[in-house]
Amino acid sequence: MEDKIFLLVKVTIETTHPNIHDAIAELQNSDVAVTGTENVKVLRTEIIPLNTRTSKN
């Protein structure tokens, strides 16, 4: 059976960005790995874009 689930991930960061929204925007372009298990095969992972304020907008 193929289905979609949503996982909320808590990430603790330290950044040199003066604005936390810039750090969030940068992380949204990074890679995330979710591994499968014996009974679950991960087909795709994706970071859902969060519309944040950045110094660019």
Protein backbone atom coordinates (compact mmCIF):
# COMPACT_ATOMS: atom_id res chain seq x y z
CA MET A 1 0.00 0.00 0.00
CA GLU A 2 1.32 3.47 -0.87
CA ASP A 3 0.23 6.44 1.24
CA LYS A 4 1.46 9.86 2.37
CA ILE A 5 2.29 10.80 5.96
CA PHE A 6 3.48 14.08 7.44
CA LEU A 7 6.26 14.15 10.04
CA LEU A 8 6.97 17.27 12.06
CA VAL A 9 10.70 17.62 12.69
CA LYS A 10 12.21 19.74 15.46
CA VAL A 11 15.61 21.16 14.50
CA THR A 12 17.87 23.03 16.92
CA ILE A 13 20.28 25.33 15.14
CA GLU A 14 23.01 27.88 15.73
CA THR A 15 23.39 30.44 12.97
CA THR A 16 25.31 33.54 11.99
CA HIS A 17 22.24 34.89 10.17
CA PRO A 18 20.98 38.03 11.93
CA ASN A 19 17.40 37.06 11.00
CA ILE A 20 16.07 33.58 11.88
CA HIS A 21 13.84 33.64 8.80
CA ASP A 22 16.96 33.71 6.60
CA ALA A 23 18.24 30.60 8.36
CA ILE A 24 14.89 28.85 7.85
CA ALA A 25 14.85 29.78 4.16
CA GLU A 26 18.38 28.41 3.75
CA LEU A 27 17.54 25.12 5.45
CA GLN A 28 14.47 24.64 3.28
CA ASN A 29 16.87 24.16 0.36
CA SER A 30 18.84 21.42 2.12
CA ASP A 31 18.51 17.64 1.89
CA VAL A 32 16.63 15.53 4.42
CA ALA A 33 17.02 11.78 4.83
CA VAL A 34 14.32 9.54 6.28
CA THR A 35 15.31 5.90 6.25
CA GLY A 36 12.93 3.01 5.94
CA THR A 37 12.51 -0.01 8.16
CA GLU A 38 12.01 -3.71 7.55
CA ASN A 39 8.28 -3.09 7.06
CA VAL A 40 8.29 0.44 5.59
CA LYS A 41 10.00 1.56 2.38
CA VAL A 42 10.45 5.34 2.05
CA LEU A 43 9.70 6.31 -1.55
CA ARG A 44 10.10 10.12 -1.43
CA THR A 45 10.87 12.84 1.09
CA GLU A 46 10.33 16.55 0.62
CA ILE A 47 10.56 19.68 2.74
CA ILE A 48 7.26 21.51 2.47
CA PRO A 49 8.08 25.18 1.84
CA LEU A 50 7.28 27.51 4.70
CA ASN A 51 6.63 31.09 3.59
CA THR A 52 8.88 33.11 5.86
CA ARG A 53 9.96 36.70 5.84
CA THR A 54 13.55 37.11 4.73
CA SER A 55 15.82 40.08 4.35
CA LYS A 56 15.22 39.69 0.60
CA ASN A 57 11.45 40.30 0.80
